[in-house]
Each structure stands twice: as structure tokens, then as C-alpha cells.
Protein backbone atom coordinates (compact mmCIF):
# COMPACT_ATOMS: atom_id res chain seq x y z
CA MET A 1 -18.35 4.34 0.85
CA PRO A 2 -18.02 2.99 4.39
CA ASP A 3 -21.28 2.25 6.06
CA SER A 4 -22.24 4.20 9.14
CA SER A 5 -21.43 1.33 11.46
CA THR A 6 -17.72 1.52 10.56
CA THR A 7 -17.29 5.25 10.09
CA ASN A 8 -15.47 6.89 12.99
CA THR A 9 -17.26 10.11 14.00
CA ASN A 10 -15.19 10.83 17.10
CA GLU A 11 -12.78 13.54 15.95
CA THR A 12 -10.17 12.78 18.67
CA THR A 13 -9.81 9.11 17.74
CA PRO A 14 -8.24 8.20 14.39
CA PRO A 15 -10.20 5.94 12.06
CA ASP A 16 -9.60 2.24 12.67
CA ILE A 17 -7.00 1.01 10.16
CA ASN A 18 -8.34 -2.54 10.36
CA ASN A 19 -11.85 -1.48 9.23
CA TRP A 20 -10.28 0.56 6.48
CA ASN A 21 -8.11 -2.37 5.36
CA ASP A 22 -11.10 -4.76 5.45
CA ARG A 23 -13.09 -2.42 3.19
CA ILE A 24 -10.21 -1.92 0.76
CA ILE A 25 -9.47 -5.67 0.63
CA ALA A 26 -13.12 -6.47 -0.10
CA GLU A 27 -13.30 -3.75 -2.76
CA VAL A 28 -10.05 -4.88 -4.45
CA ARG A 29 -11.38 -8.43 -4.63
CA ALA A 30 -14.81 -7.38 -5.90
CA ASN A 31 -13.28 -5.12 -8.56
CA ALA A 32 -10.47 -7.34 -9.87
CA GLY A 33 -7.66 -5.27 -8.38
CA TYR A 34 -9.11 -1.77 -8.09
CA ALA A 35 -10.40 0.26 -5.17
CA ALA A 36 -11.33 3.87 -4.46
CA TRP A 37 -8.68 3.88 -1.71
CA SER A 38 -9.98 6.83 0.39
CA SER A 39 -13.55 8.01 0.14
CA ALA A 40 -14.84 11.54 0.80
CA GLU A 41 -16.19 10.27 4.10
CA GLU A 42 -12.78 8.95 5.16
CA PHE A 43 -11.14 12.25 4.30
CA ALA A 44 -13.76 14.06 6.34
CA ALA A 45 -13.22 11.64 9.24
CA GLY A 46 -9.52 12.55 9.38
CA ARG A 47 -7.91 10.08 7.06
CA PRO A 48 -6.14 12.45 4.64
CA VAL A 49 -3.62 9.93 3.31
CA PRO A 50 -3.03 8.16 1.08
CA PRO A 51 -3.80 10.92 -1.35
CA ARG A 52 -6.19 10.63 -4.23
CA VAL A 53 -4.17 10.06 -7.32
CA PRO A 54 -5.18 11.94 -10.51
CA GLY A 55 -6.20 9.64 -13.29
CA PHE A 56 -7.60 6.91 -11.04
CA ASP A 57 -10.92 8.49 -10.13
CA GLU A 58 -13.39 6.42 -12.14
CA GLN A 59 -12.19 2.85 -11.74
CA GLY A 60 -10.22 3.46 -8.61
CA MET A 61 -6.54 2.83 -8.00
CA PRO A 62 -4.86 -0.42 -9.10
CA LEU A 63 -3.86 -2.24 -5.91
CA ILE A 64 -2.31 -5.55 -5.04
CA LEU A 65 -2.98 -7.45 -1.83
CA VAL A 66 0.22 -8.66 -0.23
CA HIS A 67 -0.16 -11.59 2.15
CA HIS A 68 2.72 -11.54 4.64
CA THR A 69 3.69 -12.69 8.12
CA GLY A 70 4.00 -10.40 11.10
CA ALA A 71 7.66 -9.89 12.17
CA LYS A 72 6.79 -9.83 15.85
CA THR A 73 3.52 -11.74 16.03
CA GLY A 74 3.98 -14.40 13.32
CA ARG A 75 0.36 -13.72 12.35
CA ALA A 76 -0.91 -13.70 8.78
CA ARG A 77 -1.48 -10.19 7.45
CA ILE A 78 -2.85 -8.72 4.25
CA SER A 79 -1.83 -5.25 3.10
CA PRO A 80 -3.47 -3.48 0.15
CA LEU A 81 -0.64 -1.63 -1.63
CA PHE A 82 -0.35 0.73 -4.55
CA TYR A 83 2.26 -0.74 -6.90
CA GLN A 84 4.33 -0.33 -10.00
CA PRO A 85 4.59 -3.25 -12.42
CA VAL A 86 8.24 -4.30 -12.97
CA GLY A 87 8.14 -6.82 -15.81
CA ASP A 88 6.27 -9.78 -14.23
CA ASP A 89 7.03 -8.50 -10.71
CA TRP A 90 5.84 -5.55 -8.61
CA ALA A 91 7.48 -2.66 -6.76
CA VAL A 92 5.82 -1.24 -3.62
CA PHE A 93 6.78 1.86 -1.70
CA GLY A 94 6.99 2.29 2.07
CA THR A 95 5.84 5.93 2.21
CA HIS A 96 3.68 5.44 5.34
CA GLY A 97 2.06 8.80 4.55
CA GLY A 98 5.24 10.71 5.29
CA SER A 99 5.69 9.20 8.79
CA PRO A 100 9.26 9.07 10.12
CA HIS A 101 8.75 5.32 10.63
CA HIS A 102 8.60 2.54 8.10
CA PRO A 103 5.18 0.91 7.71
CA ALA A 104 4.60 -2.34 9.57
CA TRP A 105 4.19 -4.25 6.33
CA TYR A 106 7.75 -3.19 5.27
CA ARG A 107 9.25 -4.50 8.55
CA ASN A 108 7.28 -7.70 8.07
CA LEU A 109 8.48 -8.22 4.50
CA MET A 110 12.13 -7.66 5.53
CA ALA A 111 11.79 -10.18 8.39
CA ASN A 112 9.70 -12.70 6.40
CA PRO A 113 10.23 -12.17 2.64
CA GLN A 114 8.06 -15.13 1.44
CA VAL A 115 4.73 -13.58 0.42
CA THR A 116 1.70 -14.16 -1.74
CA VAL A 117 0.51 -11.40 -4.05
CA GLU A 118 -3.11 -11.11 -5.13
CA VAL A 119 -3.12 -9.21 -8.39
CA GLY A 120 -6.46 -8.95 -10.14
CA THR A 121 -7.95 -12.41 -9.64
CA GLU A 122 -4.62 -14.25 -9.50
CA ARG A 123 -2.63 -15.32 -6.38
CA VAL A 124 1.11 -15.55 -6.94
CA PRO A 125 3.90 -16.65 -4.57
CA ALA A 126 6.70 -14.10 -4.43
CA VAL A 127 9.80 -13.10 -2.51
CA ALA A 128 10.28 -9.54 -1.24
CA ARG A 129 13.66 -7.74 -1.49
CA ARG A 130 14.64 -4.18 -0.97
CA ALA A 131 15.67 -2.33 -4.13
CA GLU A 132 19.02 -0.56 -3.75
CA GLY A 133 21.20 1.85 -5.69
CA ALA A 134 20.36 2.60 -9.32
CA GLU A 135 17.43 0.15 -9.32
CA ARG A 136 15.80 1.92 -6.40
CA GLU A 137 16.43 5.37 -7.92
CA ARG A 138 14.90 4.29 -11.25
CA LEU A 139 11.78 2.80 -9.64
CA TRP A 140 11.36 5.71 -7.26
CA ALA A 141 11.74 8.35 -9.99
CA LYS A 142 9.09 6.60 -12.08
CA GLU A 143 6.73 6.40 -9.10
CA VAL A 144 7.23 10.04 -8.12
CA ALA A 145 6.41 11.03 -11.72
CA LEU A 146 3.10 9.13 -11.38
CA VAL A 147 2.37 10.20 -7.79
CA PRO A 148 4.20 13.46 -7.01
CA LYS A 149 2.84 13.40 -3.44
CA PHE A 150 5.29 10.55 -2.75
CA ALA A 151 8.20 13.04 -3.03
CA GLU A 152 6.51 15.18 -0.39
CA PHE A 153 6.11 12.09 1.84
CA GLU A 154 9.85 11.38 1.59
CA ALA A 155 10.77 14.97 2.36
CA ALA A 156 8.39 15.05 5.37
CA SER A 157 9.53 11.67 6.69
CA GLY A 158 13.24 12.53 7.08
CA ARG A 159 14.11 9.06 5.74
CA GLN A 160 14.67 7.45 2.37
CA ILE A 161 11.42 5.73 1.42
CA PRO A 162 12.14 2.03 0.93
CA VAL A 163 11.27 0.50 -2.44
CA VAL A 164 10.48 -3.24 -2.24
CA VAL A 165 10.40 -5.53 -5.25
CA LEU A 166 8.09 -8.53 -5.02
CA GLU A 167 9.58 -11.11 -7.36
CA ARG A 168 7.40 -13.96 -8.65
CA VAL A 169 8.51 -17.40 -7.64
CA HIS A 170 8.67 -19.49 -10.80
């Protein structure tokens, strides 16, 4: 899917996350909340995660775009995230592909919890909060049932994957 001008062909340099994010954001907006996530070309160029998720091959994966503020920079950021609907809200998961570190978006949401969520063609103000205890376990178990690879990510990371609930501001 990426055009040849943005595909990284140097095997020693990882693909540019900003180009990948830009492509995913454009695709999510063009397809009312769905994107292919990782193309065959991106896998071949060394971007093996996030994994393809069975059942989402034709239309792509349902993604939300979370607008947030950088914890260190104060800059506006947009992160495309796989999510789980939670009533009128959304849960997102800080797997970071099994990295031992939390993703930057997670640190940003914890520092600056006021966000905007693009879901489909709608933009919704929301507040981020970390799910804890039984709530976290329930949301995590449901997500692992849908995406078993997430359990592998948690095991590989050596940390508990944070579950963040994005609550609509009414």
C-alpha cells in the first residue's frame, strides 16, 4: 500500500513511524474508521507488528484516531489505535508490540488526559484514565480473546500492559 517514495528499503534502518502513522491516519479517515494496518510491503520492510488480526482482512481493522498532547513537548499528536468499544466509550491497549516500555501515546495520555477521539466520521472529546483491578482484567481478557497475540506481547514485555479507557465528555 505505501508508495515507493515512502517505503524504506534500507534493511538496517527501521521504517519511519511518522510515514506509517500518516498513511494509517489518511486511510482511517478515507474509510470511515478502518485501515489495513500493516501491508505486505511493510512486513517485508521489517515492520512485523502490529500483527494482522484474523477476521479483519477485507475491510481492515477498526481503528480510532486519538488526538493528544505530548507529555514532554506539548505538541499535538494523533495516534491510530485498535480499540474495544466499552458502552459509549473506548478501551485502548499499550502493548507497544511487546516492548518493555510503554508507548509514547500512553505516557502522553497519563500526563494530559484531555483528548479528542475520531471514531468513524465523528470527533468526540474524551478523558483518558487507566483501568485498574477487575475492570482492567475484564477488558484485557476480552481483548486477548479477540487478539491472542496481545497475550504474547504482555509476556514478552515483562510488564503489565496498560488498559486505558477513553470516556466521552458529555
